[in-house]
Amino acid sequence: MILGLSPIGEIIHLAKSGRYVVKLSETGFRIRSGEILYDDSGRRTGKVIETIGPVSAPYASVLPLVDRPKKAIGTRLFSGSFKHTKPIRRRNFGKKKKYPRTDLNN
């Protein structure tokens, strides 16, 4: 488990609408619409659209945020504040390349 993330549930199905159906665990009933969900490696996997079903056994409809949604079926999802670190962008402060000048006077 990744620090700062709590387990929410598991993806059980990919609906015809293109959304995931997620079976929520006991701690999953407190998620809200618009919340971003992560997989076990910390990648953004989906965004909660709505919760459905009875209170005793809730499900969530989740919009996939991955390239291949079918491969994520069976994946456990987590919720929380996961800080994404941007890669360090190195800037080239060296001298610019000088190209040979062509004189038209010769």
PDB file of N, CA and C in Angstrom:
ATOM      1  N   MET A   1       0.837  -1.186   0.000  1.00  0.00           N
ATOM      2  CA  MET A   1       0.000   0.000   0.000  1.00  0.00           C
ATOM      3  C   MET A   1       0.882   1.251   0.000  1.00  0.00           C
ATOM      4  N   ILE A   2       0.431   2.263  -0.659  1.00  0.00           N
ATOM      5  CA  ILE A   2       1.169   3.518  -0.757  1.00  0.00           C
ATOM      6  C   ILE A   2       0.754   4.423   0.403  1.00  0.00           C
ATOM      7  N   LEU A   3       1.715   5.093   1.007  1.00  0.00           N
ATOM      8  CA  LEU A   3       1.418   5.985   2.114  1.00  0.00           C
ATOM      9  C   LEU A   3       0.532   7.129   1.649  1.00  0.00           C
ATOM     10  N   GLY A   4      -0.448   7.493   2.479  1.00  0.00           N
ATOM     11  CA  GLY A   4      -1.329   8.600   2.152  1.00  0.00           C
ATOM     12  C   GLY A   4      -2.554   8.189   1.361  1.00  0.00           C
ATOM     13  N   LEU A   5      -2.625   6.947   0.930  1.00  0.00           N
ATOM     14  CA  LEU A   5      -3.776   6.479   0.166  1.00  0.00           C
ATOM     15  C   LEU A   5      -4.516   5.412   0.958  1.00  0.00           C
ATOM     16  N   SER A   6      -5.835   5.453   0.906  1.00  0.00           N
ATOM     17  CA  SER A   6      -6.630   4.438   1.579  1.00  0.00           C
ATOM     18  C   SER A   6      -7.338   3.580   0.535  1.00  0.00           C
ATOM     19  N   PRO A   7      -7.452   2.265   0.776  1.00  0.00           N
ATOM     20  CA  PRO A   7      -8.097   1.390  -0.201  1.00  0.00           C
ATOM     21  C   PRO A   7      -9.583   1.714  -0.332  1.00  0.00           C
ATOM     22  N   ILE A   8     -10.070   1.750  -1.568  1.00  0.00           N
ATOM     23  CA  ILE A   8     -11.465   2.102  -1.833  1.00  0.00           C
ATOM     24  C   ILE A   8     -12.252   0.897  -2.319  1.00  0.00           C
ATOM     25  N   GLY A   9     -11.693   0.147  -3.265  1.00  0.00           N
ATOM     26  CA  GLY A   9     -12.409  -0.996  -3.816  1.00  0.00           C
ATOM     27  C   GLY A   9     -11.662  -1.602  -4.977  1.00  0.00           C
ATOM     28  N   GLU A  10     -12.392  -2.378  -5.790  1.00  0.00           N
ATOM     29  CA  GLU A  10     -11.789  -3.096  -6.907  1.00  0.00           C
ATOM     30  C   GLU A  10     -12.638  -2.921  -8.158  1.00  0.00           C
ATOM     31  N   ILE A  11     -11.964  -2.769  -9.307  1.00  0.00           N
ATOM     32  CA  ILE A  11     -12.675  -2.666 -10.588  1.00  0.00           C
ATOM     33  C   ILE A  11     -13.176  -4.054 -10.950  1.00  0.00           C
ATOM     34  N   ILE A  12     -14.497  -4.173 -11.149  1.00  0.00           N
ATOM     35  CA  ILE A  12     -15.053  -5.486 -11.464  1.00  0.00           C
ATOM     36  C   ILE A  12     -15.560  -5.591 -12.896  1.00  0.00           C
ATOM     37  N   HIS A  13     -15.775  -4.447 -13.564  1.00  0.00           N
ATOM     38  CA  HIS A  13     -16.385  -4.516 -14.889  1.00  0.00           C
ATOM     39  C   HIS A  13     -16.113  -3.227 -15.661  1.00  0.00           C
ATOM     40  N   LEU A  14     -16.046  -3.347 -16.979  1.00  0.00           N
ATOM     41  CA  LEU A  14     -15.995  -2.190 -17.864  1.00  0.00           C
ATOM     42  C   LEU A  14     -17.326  -2.142 -18.598  1.00  0.00           C
ATOM     43  N   ALA A  15     -18.143  -1.147 -18.307  1.00  0.00           N
ATOM     44  CA  ALA A  15     -19.481  -1.044 -18.885  1.00  0.00           C
ATOM     45  C   ALA A  15     -19.413  -0.625 -20.347  1.00  0.00           C
ATOM     46  N   LYS A  16     -20.516  -0.806 -21.052  1.00  0.00           N
ATOM     47  CA  LYS A  16     -20.584  -0.410 -22.465  1.00  0.00           C
ATOM     48  C   LYS A  16     -20.409   1.097 -22.643  1.00  0.00           C
ATOM     49  N   SER A  17     -20.736   1.856 -21.614  1.00  0.00           N
ATOM     50  CA  SER A  17     -20.581   3.310 -21.679  1.00  0.00           C
ATOM     51  C   SER A  17     -19.112   3.729 -21.604  1.00  0.00           C
ATOM     52  N   GLY A  18     -18.225   2.760 -21.289  1.00  0.00           N
ATOM     53  CA  GLY A  18     -16.807   3.059 -21.191  1.00  0.00           C
ATOM     54  C   GLY A  18     -16.356   3.338 -19.775  1.00  0.00           C
ATOM     55  N   ARG A  19     -17.279   3.278 -18.821  1.00  0.00           N
ATOM     56  CA  ARG A  19     -16.931   3.529 -17.423  1.00  0.00           C
ATOM     57  C   ARG A  19     -16.648   2.228 -16.695  1.00  0.00           C
ATOM     58  N   TYR A  20     -15.837   2.344 -15.638  1.00  0.00           N
ATOM     59  CA  TYR A  20     -15.591   1.206 -14.758  1.00  0.00           C
ATOM     60  C   TYR A  20     -16.734   1.088 -13.762  1.00  0.00           C
ATOM     61  N   VAL A  21     -17.050  -0.148 -13.387  1.00  0.00           N
ATOM     62  CA  VAL A  21     -17.923  -0.396 -12.245  1.00  0.00           C
ATOM     63  C   VAL A  21     -17.006  -0.896 -11.143  1.00  0.00           C
ATOM     64  N   VAL A  22     -16.977  -0.169 -10.036  1.00  0.00           N
ATOM     65  CA  VAL A  22     -16.071  -0.471  -8.933  1.00  0.00           C
ATOM     66  C   VAL A  22     -16.892  -0.908  -7.723  1.00  0.00           C
ATOM     67  N   LYS A  23     -16.580  -2.097  -7.197  1.00  0.00           N
ATOM     68  CA  LYS A  23     -17.224  -2.556  -5.967  1.00  0.00           C
ATOM     69  C   LYS A  23     -16.464  -1.927  -4.812  1.00  0.00           C
ATOM     70  N   LEU A  24     -17.164  -1.110  -4.035  1.00  0.00           N
ATOM     71  CA  LEU A  24     -16.529  -0.371  -2.957  1.00  0.00           C
ATOM     72  C   LEU A  24     -16.385  -1.231  -1.711  1.00  0.00           C
ATOM     73  N   SER A  25     -15.285  -1.052  -0.999  1.00  0.00           N
ATOM     74  CA  SER A  25     -15.046  -1.761   0.257  1.00  0.00           C
ATOM     75  C   SER A  25     -15.719  -1.004   1.395  1.00  0.00           C
ATOM     76  N   GLU A  26     -15.486  -1.440   2.625  1.00  0.00           N
ATOM     77  CA  GLU A  26     -16.102  -0.794   3.786  1.00  0.00           C
ATOM     78  C   GLU A  26     -15.680   0.666   3.911  1.00  0.00           C
ATOM     79  N   THR A  27     -14.443   0.971   3.532  1.00  0.00           N
ATOM     80  CA  THR A  27     -13.971   2.357   3.617  1.00  0.00           C
ATOM     81  C   THR A  27     -14.313   3.153   2.361  1.00  0.00           C
ATOM     82  N   GLY A  28     -14.873   2.499   1.356  1.00  0.00           N
ATOM     83  CA  GLY A  28     -15.137   3.161   0.090  1.00  0.00           C
ATOM     84  C   GLY A  28     -16.415   3.962   0.038  1.00  0.00           C
ATOM     85  N   PHE A  29     -17.291   3.827   1.040  1.00  0.00           N
ATOM     86  CA  PHE A  29     -18.571   4.522   0.992  1.00  0.00           C
ATOM     87  C   PHE A  29     -18.439   6.025   1.148  1.00  0.00           C
ATOM     88  N   ARG A  30     -17.275   6.503   1.592  1.00  0.00           N
ATOM     89  CA  ARG A  30     -17.124   7.935   1.833  1.00  0.00           C
ATOM     90  C   ARG A  30     -16.544   8.703   0.642  1.00  0.00           C
ATOM     91  N   ILE A  31     -16.362   8.071  -0.497  1.00  0.00           N
ATOM     92  CA  ILE A  31     -15.819   8.802  -1.650  1.00  0.00           C
ATOM     93  C   ILE A  31     -16.873   9.743  -2.215  1.00  0.00           C
ATOM     94  N   ARG A  32     -16.428  10.758  -2.889  1.00  0.00           N
ATOM     95  CA  ARG A  32     -17.330  11.764  -3.453  1.00  0.00           C
ATOM     96  C   ARG A  32     -17.151  11.833  -4.972  1.00  0.00           C
ATOM     97  N   SER A  33     -18.143  12.353  -5.631  1.00  0.00           N
ATOM     98  CA  SER A  33     -18.060  12.553  -7.076  1.00  0.00           C
ATOM     99  C   SER A  33     -16.931  13.526  -7.383  1.00  0.00           C
ATOM    100  N   GLY A  34     -16.175  13.219  -8.431  1.00  0.00           N
ATOM    101  CA  GLY A  34     -15.072  14.077  -8.833  1.00  0.00           C
ATOM    102  C   GLY A  34     -13.739  13.693  -8.226  1.00  0.00           C
ATOM    103  N   GLU A  35     -13.740  12.736  -7.311  1.00  0.00           N
ATOM    104  CA  GLU A  35     -12.503  12.319  -6.652  1.00  0.00           C
ATOM    105  C   GLU A  35     -11.663  11.464  -7.599  1.00  0.00           C
ATOM    106  N   ILE A  36     -10.351  11.658  -7.582  1.00  0.00           N
ATOM    107  CA  ILE A  36      -9.431  10.898  -8.421  1.00  0.00           C
ATOM    108  C   ILE A  36      -9.010   9.636  -7.674  1.00  0.00           C
ATOM    109  N   LEU A  37      -9.012   8.506  -8.380  1.00  0.00           N
ATOM    110  CA  LEU A  37      -8.608   7.237  -7.794  1.00  0.00           C
ATOM    111  C   LEU A  37      -7.288   6.785  -8.413  1.00  0.00           C
ATOM    112  N   TYR A  38      -6.476   6.097  -7.605  1.00  0.00           N
ATOM    113  CA  TYR A  38      -5.144   5.656  -8.017  1.00  0.00           C
ATOM    114  C   TYR A  38      -5.051   4.145  -7.928  1.00  0.00           C
ATOM    115  N   ASP A  39      -4.150   3.551  -8.720  1.00  0.00           N
ATOM    116  CA  ASP A  39      -3.902   2.114  -8.599  1.00  0.00           C
ATOM    117  C   ASP A  39      -2.800   1.892  -7.572  1.00  0.00           C
ATOM    118  N   ASP A  40      -2.370   0.636  -7.400  1.00  0.00           N
ATOM    119  CA  ASP A  40      -1.392   0.324  -6.360  1.00  0.00           C
ATOM    120  C   ASP A  40      -0.008   0.882  -6.635  1.00  0.00           C
ATOM    121  N   SER A  41       0.265   1.318  -7.856  1.00  0.00           N
ATOM    122  CA  SER A  41       1.569   1.922  -8.149  1.00  0.00           C
ATOM    123  C   SER A  41       1.522   3.455  -8.116  1.00  0.00           C
ATOM    124  N   GLY A  42       0.356   4.027  -7.809  1.00  0.00           N
ATOM    125  CA  GLY A  42       0.238   5.474  -7.675  1.00  0.00           C
ATOM    126  C   GLY A  42      -0.176   6.202  -8.936  1.00  0.00           C
ATOM    127  N   ARG A  43      -0.508   5.470 -10.003  1.00  0.00           N
ATOM    128  CA  ARG A  43      -0.947   6.117 -11.242  1.00  0.00           C
ATOM    129  C   ARG A  43      -2.418   6.486 -11.159  1.00  0.00           C
ATOM    130  N   ARG A  44      -2.767   7.624 -11.745  1.00  0.00           N
ATOM    131  CA  ARG A  44      -4.167   8.035 -11.803  1.00  0.00           C
ATOM    132  C   ARG A  44      -4.916   7.064 -12.701  1.00  0.00           C
ATOM    133  N   THR A  45      -5.926   6.414 -12.153  1.00  0.00           N
ATOM    134  CA  THR A  45      -6.649   5.388 -12.890  1.00  0.00           C
ATOM    135  C   THR A  45      -8.038   5.846 -13.308  1.00  0.00           C
ATOM    136  N   GLY A  46      -8.712   6.625 -12.480  1.00  0.00           N
ATOM    137  CA  GLY A  46     -10.065   7.038 -12.818  1.00  0.00           C
ATOM    138  C   GLY A  46     -10.575   8.169 -11.954  1.00  0.00           C
ATOM    139  N   LYS A  47     -11.724   8.696 -12.387  1.00  0.00           N
ATOM    140  CA  LYS A  47     -12.385   9.789 -11.680  1.00  0.00           C
ATOM    141  C   LYS A  47     -13.799   9.333 -11.355  1.00  0.00           C
ATOM    142  N   VAL A  48     -14.196   9.453 -10.101  1.00  0.00           N
ATOM    143  CA  VAL A  48     -15.522   9.011  -9.669  1.00  0.00           C
ATOM    144  C   VAL A  48     -16.581   9.921 -10.272  1.00  0.00           C
ATOM    145  N   ILE A  49     -17.566   9.301 -10.945  1.00  0.00           N
ATOM    146  CA  ILE A  49     -18.677  10.059 -11.519  1.00  0.00           C
ATOM    147  C   ILE A  49     -19.875  10.037 -10.568  1.00  0.00           C
ATOM    148  N   GLU A  50     -20.228   8.841 -10.079  1.00  0.00           N
ATOM    149  CA  GLU A  50     -21.336   8.735  -9.140  1.00  0.00           C
ATOM    150  C   GLU A  50     -21.246   7.425  -8.376  1.00  0.00           C
ATOM    151  N   THR A  51     -21.904   7.387  -7.219  1.00  0.00           N
ATOM    152  CA  THR A  51     -22.018   6.145  -6.469  1.00  0.00           C
ATOM    153  C   THR A  51     -23.409   5.583  -6.713  1.00  0.00           C
ATOM    154  N   ILE A  52     -23.492   4.265  -6.836  1.00  0.00           N
ATOM    155  CA  ILE A  52     -24.758   3.611  -7.155  1.00  0.00           C
ATOM    156  C   ILE A  52     -24.955   2.405  -6.254  1.00  0.00           C
ATOM    157  N   GLY A  53     -26.178   1.913  -6.191  1.00  0.00           N
ATOM    158  CA  GLY A  53     -26.480   0.711  -5.430  1.00  0.00           C
ATOM    159  C   GLY A  53     -26.903   1.014  -4.005  1.00  0.00           C
ATOM    160  N   PRO A  54     -27.207  -0.034  -3.244  1.00  0.00           N
ATOM    161  CA  PRO A  54     -27.650   0.160  -1.863  1.00  0.00           C
ATOM    162  C   PRO A  54     -26.495   0.578  -0.948  1.00  0.00           C
ATOM    163  N   VAL A  55     -26.839   1.159   0.178  1.00  0.00           N
ATOM    164  CA  VAL A  55     -25.829   1.627   1.123  1.00  0.00           C
ATOM    165  C   VAL A  55     -25.051   0.450   1.697  1.00  0.00           C
ATOM    166  N   SER A  56     -25.698  -0.708   1.825  1.00  0.00           N
ATOM    167  CA  SER A  56     -25.026  -1.866   2.407  1.00  0.00           C
ATOM    168  C   SER A  56     -23.970  -2.461   1.478  1.00  0.00           C
ATOM    169  N   ALA A  57     -24.126  -2.294   0.165  1.00  0.00           N
ATOM    170  CA  ALA A  57     -23.159  -2.821  -0.809  1.00  0.00           C
ATOM    171  C   ALA A  57     -23.017  -1.827  -1.963  1.00  0.00           C
ATOM    172  N   PRO A  58     -22.319  -0.697  -1.735  1.00  0.00           N
ATOM    173  CA  PRO A  58     -22.252   0.347  -2.762  1.00  0.00           C
ATOM    174  C   PRO A  58     -21.278   0.034  -3.890  1.00  0.00           C
ATOM    175  N   TYR A  59     -21.563   0.632  -5.038  1.00  0.00           N
ATOM    176  CA  TYR A  59     -20.703   0.568  -6.213  1.00  0.00           C
ATOM    177  C   TYR A  59     -20.449   2.002  -6.662  1.00  0.00           C
ATOM    178  N   ALA A  60     -19.442   2.171  -7.492  1.00  0.00           N
ATOM    179  CA  ALA A  60     -19.151   3.496  -8.038  1.00  0.00           C
ATOM    180  C   ALA A  60     -18.976   3.383  -9.545  1.00  0.00           C
ATOM    181  N   SER A  61     -19.430   4.398 -10.240  1.00  0.00           N
ATOM    182  CA  SER A  61     -19.204   4.521 -11.677  1.00  0.00           C
ATOM    183  C   SER A  61     -18.009   5.453 -11.836  1.00  0.00           C
ATOM    184  N   VAL A  62     -16.963   4.948 -12.495  1.00  0.00           N
ATOM    185  CA  VAL A  62     -15.691   5.673 -12.562  1.00  0.00           C
ATOM    186  C   VAL A  62     -15.285   5.864 -14.017  1.00  0.00           C
ATOM    187  N   LEU A  63     -14.931   7.082 -14.379  1.00  0.00           N
ATOM    188  CA  LEU A  63     -14.452   7.405 -15.720  1.00  0.00           C
ATOM    189  C   LEU A  63     -12.970   7.053 -15.814  1.00  0.00           C
ATOM    190  N   PRO A  64     -12.575   6.149 -16.728  1.00  0.00           N
ATOM    191  CA  PRO A  64     -11.160   5.754 -16.819  1.00  0.00           C
ATOM    192  C   PRO A  64     -10.264   6.902 -17.268  1.00  0.00           C
ATOM    193  N   LEU A  65      -9.067   6.954 -16.706  1.00  0.00           N
ATOM    194  CA  LEU A  65      -8.056   7.948 -17.091  1.00  0.00           C
ATOM    195  C   LEU A  65      -6.800   7.260 -17.614  1.00  0.00           C
ATOM    196  N   VAL A  66      -6.957   6.031 -18.101  1.00  0.00           N
ATOM    197  CA  VAL A  66      -5.825   5.262 -18.611  1.00  0.00           C
ATOM    198  C   VAL A  66      -6.032   4.980 -20.094  1.00  0.00           C
ATOM    199  N   ASP A  67      -4.958   4.607 -20.775  1.00  0.00           N
ATOM    200  CA  ASP A  67      -5.033   4.356 -22.211  1.00  0.00           C
ATOM    201  C   ASP A  67      -5.784   3.072 -22.553  1.00  0.00           C
ATOM    202  N   ARG A  68      -5.542   2.020 -21.795  1.00  0.00           N
ATOM    203  CA  ARG A  68      -6.171   0.728 -22.072  1.00  0.00           C
ATOM    204  C   ARG A  68      -7.033   0.317 -20.885  1.00  0.00           C
ATOM    205  N   PRO A  69      -8.301   0.715 -20.889  1.00  0.00           N
ATOM    206  CA  PRO A  69      -9.162   0.460 -19.730  1.00  0.00           C
ATOM    207  C   PRO A  69      -9.393  -1.016 -19.435  1.00  0.00           C
ATOM    208  N   LYS A  70      -9.394  -1.873 -20.451  1.00  0.00           N
ATOM    209  CA  LYS A  70      -9.668  -3.291 -20.223  1.00  0.00           C
ATOM    210  C   LYS A  70      -8.596  -3.958 -19.377  1.00  0.00           C
ATOM    211  N   LYS A  71      -7.357  -3.476 -19.464  1.00  0.00           N
ATOM    212  CA  LYS A  71      -6.263  -4.083 -18.711  1.00  0.00           C
ATOM    213  C   LYS A  71      -6.350  -3.802 -17.218  1.00  0.00           C
ATOM    214  N   ALA A  72      -7.131  -2.814 -16.829  1.00  0.00           N
ATOM    215  CA  ALA A  72      -7.206  -2.441 -15.415  1.00  0.00           C
ATOM    216  C   ALA A  72      -8.279  -3.206 -14.650  1.00  0.00           C
ATOM    217  N   ILE A  73      -9.048  -4.046 -15.322  1.00  0.00           N
ATOM    218  CA  ILE A  73     -10.102  -4.802 -14.640  1.00  0.00           C
ATOM    219  C   ILE A  73      -9.448  -5.736 -13.625  1.00  0.00           C
ATOM    220  N   GLY A  74      -9.977  -5.723 -12.396  1.00  0.00           N
ATOM    221  CA  GLY A  74      -9.412  -6.529 -11.316  1.00  0.00           C
ATOM    222  C   GLY A  74      -8.420  -5.770 -10.455  1.00  0.00           C
ATOM    223  N   THR A  75      -8.112  -4.533 -10.809  1.00  0.00           N
ATOM    224  CA  THR A  75      -7.152  -3.723 -10.075  1.00  0.00           C
ATOM    225  C   THR A  75      -7.797  -3.123  -8.830  1.00  0.00           C
ATOM    226  N   ARG A  76      -7.058  -3.104  -7.737  1.00  0.00           N
ATOM    227  CA  ARG A  76      -7.521  -2.434  -6.527  1.00  0.00           C
ATOM    228  C   ARG A  76      -7.269  -0.940  -6.677  1.00  0.00           C
ATOM    229  N   LEU A  77      -8.234  -0.136  -6.229  1.00  0.00           N
ATOM    230  CA  LEU A  77      -8.120   1.313  -6.334  1.00  0.00           C
ATOM    231  C   LEU A  77      -7.982   1.939  -4.952  1.00  0.00           C
ATOM    232  N   PHE A  78      -7.297   3.082  -4.935  1.00  0.00           N
ATOM    233  CA  PHE A  78      -7.030   3.802  -3.695  1.00  0.00           C
ATOM    234  C   PHE A  78      -7.425   5.258  -3.861  1.00  0.00           C
ATOM    235  N   SER A  79      -7.729   5.889  -2.742  1.00  0.00           N
ATOM    236  CA  SER A  79      -8.107   7.292  -2.747  1.00  0.00           C
ATOM    237  C   SER A  79      -7.259   8.028  -1.726  1.00  0.00           C
ATOM    238  N   GLY A  80      -7.090   9.313  -1.924  1.00  0.00           N
ATOM    239  CA  GLY A  80      -6.330  10.111  -0.972  1.00  0.00           C
ATOM    240  C   GLY A  80      -5.563  11.188  -1.677  1.00  0.00           C
ATOM    241  N   SER A  81      -4.674  11.813  -0.940  1.00  0.00           N
ATOM    242  CA  SER A  81      -3.866  12.884  -1.518  1.00  0.00           C
ATOM    243  C   SER A  81      -2.507  12.314  -1.877  1.00  0.00           C
ATOM    244  N   PHE A  82      -2.348  12.011  -3.129  1.00  0.00           N
ATOM    245  CA  PHE A  82      -1.073  11.490  -3.628  1.00  0.00           C
ATOM    246  C   PHE A  82      -0.387  12.623  -4.357  1.00  0.00           C
ATOM    247  N   LYS A  83       0.807  12.968  -3.916  1.00  0.00           N
ATOM    248  CA  LYS A  83       1.532  14.069  -4.531  1.00  0.00           C
ATOM    249  C   LYS A  83       2.327  13.569  -5.710  1.00  0.00           C
ATOM    250  N   HIS A  84       1.995  14.076  -6.875  1.00  0.00           N
ATOM    251  CA  HIS A  84       2.773  13.750  -8.061  1.00  0.00           C
ATOM    252  C   HIS A  84       3.937  14.715  -8.135  1.00  0.00           C
ATOM    253  N   THR A  85       5.106  14.183  -8.305  1.00  0.00           N
ATOM    254  CA  THR A  85       6.269  15.042  -8.461  1.00  0.00           C
ATOM    255  C   THR A  85       6.577  15.185  -9.935  1.00  0.00           C
ATOM    256  N   LYS A  86       6.708  16.412 -10.346  1.00  0.00           N
ATOM    257  CA  LYS A  86       7.033  16.664 -11.741  1.00  0.00           C
ATOM    258  C   LYS A  86       8.503  16.348 -11.973  1.00  0.00           C
ATOM    259  N   PRO A  87       8.833  15.823 -13.129  1.00  0.00           N
ATOM    260  CA  PRO A  87      10.250  15.581 -13.408  1.00  0.00           C
ATOM    261  C   PRO A  87      11.008  16.902 -13.480  1.00  0.00           C
ATOM    262  N   ILE A  88      12.228  16.860 -13.029  1.00  0.00           N
ATOM    263  CA  ILE A  88      13.051  18.064 -13.049  1.00  0.00           C
ATOM    264  C   ILE A  88      13.406  18.394 -14.488  1.00  0.00           C
ATOM    265  N   ARG A  89      13.100  19.625 -14.862  1.00  0.00           N
ATOM    266  CA  ARG A  89      13.400  20.063 -16.220  1.00  0.00           C
ATOM    267  C   ARG A  89      14.727  20.797 -16.204  1.00  0.00           C
ATOM    268  N   ARG A  90      15.674  20.263 -16.889  1.00  0.00           N
ATOM    269  CA  ARG A  90      16.984  20.900 -16.924  1.00  0.00           C
ATOM    270  C   ARG A  90      17.032  21.888 -18.087  1.00  0.00           C
ATOM    271  N   ARG A  91      17.518  23.050 -17.770  1.00  0.00           N
ATOM    272  CA  ARG A  91      17.620  24.068 -18.810  1.00  0.00           C
ATOM    273  C   ARG A  91      19.066  24.187 -19.249  1.00  0.00           C
ATOM    274  N   ASN A  92      19.248  24.456 -20.508  1.00  0.00           N
ATOM    275  CA  ASN A  92      20.583  24.608 -21.052  1.00  0.00           C
ATOM    276  C   ASN A  92      20.964  26.083 -20.999  1.00  0.00           C
ATOM    277  N   PHE A  93      21.809  26.408 -20.032  1.00  0.00           N
ATOM    278  CA  PHE A  93      22.252  27.788 -19.905  1.00  0.00           C
ATOM    279  C   PHE A  93      23.599  28.004 -20.591  1.00  0.00           C
ATOM    280  N   GLY A  94      24.029  27.034 -21.364  1.00  0.00           N
ATOM    281  CA  GLY A  94      25.301  27.162 -22.069  1.00  0.00           C
ATOM    282  C   GLY A  94      25.192  28.146 -23.216  1.00  0.00           C
ATOM    283  N   LYS A  95      26.299  28.323 -23.890  1.00  0.00           N
ATOM    284  CA  LYS A  95      26.309  29.256 -25.005  1.00  0.00           C
ATOM    285  C   LYS A  95      25.523  28.682 -26.170  1.00  0.00           C
ATOM    286  N   LYS A  96      24.917  29.571 -26.914  1.00  0.00           N
ATOM    287  CA  LYS A  96      24.172  29.137 -28.087  1.00  0.00           C
ATOM    288  C   LYS A  96      25.143  28.757 -29.186  1.00  0.00           C
ATOM    289  N   LYS A  97      24.707  27.861 -30.014  1.00  0.00           N
ATOM    290  CA  LYS A  97      25.561  27.441 -31.125  1.00  0.00           C
ATOM    291  C   LYS A  97      25.662  28.576 -32.136  1.00  0.00           C
ATOM    292  N   LYS A  98      26.866  28.764 -32.601  1.00  0.00           N
ATOM    293  CA  LYS A  98      27.069  29.795 -33.613  1.00  0.00           C
ATOM    294  C   LYS A  98      27.186  29.111 -34.956  1.00  0.00           C
ATOM    295  N   TYR A  99      26.397  29.544 -35.850  1.00  0.00           N
ATOM    296  CA  TYR A  99      26.436  28.989 -37.189  1.00  0.00           C
ATOM    297  C   TYR A  99      27.311  29.871 -38.075  1.00  0.00           C
ATOM    298  N   PRO A 100      28.029  29.271 -39.015  1.00  0.00           N
ATOM    299  CA  PRO A 100      28.886  30.088 -39.880  1.00  0.00           C
ATOM    300  C   PRO A 100      28.043  31.073 -40.683  1.00  0.00           C
ATOM    301  N   ARG A 101      28.547  32.268 -40.750  1.00  0.00           N
ATOM    302  CA  ARG A 101      27.834  33.323 -41.443  1.00  0.00           C
ATOM    303  C   ARG A 101      28.204  33.309 -42.916  1.00  0.00           C
ATOM    304  N   THR A 102      27.264  33.443 -43.742  1.00  0.00           N
ATOM    305  CA  THR A 102      27.560  33.501 -45.181  1.00  0.00           C
ATOM    306  C   THR A 102      27.548  34.950 -45.616  1.00  0.00           C
ATOM    307  N   ASP A 103      28.667  35.435 -46.104  1.00  0.00           N
ATOM    308  CA  ASP A 103      28.755  36.825 -46.584  1.00  0.00           C
ATOM    309  C   ASP A 103      28.413  36.861 -48.065  1.00  0.00           C
ATOM    310  N   LEU A 104      27.584  37.773 -48.394  1.00  0.00           N
ATOM    311  CA  LEU A 104      27.187  37.918 -49.786  1.00  0.00           C
ATOM    312  C   LEU A 104      28.121  38.881 -50.521  1.00  0.00           C
ATOM    313  N   ASN A 105      29.016  39.572 -49.792  1.00  0.00           N
ATOM    314  CA  ASN A 105      29.913  40.537 -50.401  1.00  0.00           C
ATOM    315  C   ASN A 105      31.097  39.893 -51.103  1.00  0.00           C
ATOM    316  N   ASN A 106      31.455  38.672 -50.832  1.00  0.00           N
ATOM    317  CA  ASN A 106      32.619  38.028 -51.456  1.00  0.00           C
ATOM    318  C   ASN A 106      32.335  37.568 -52.825  1.00  0.00           C
TER     319      ASN A 106
END
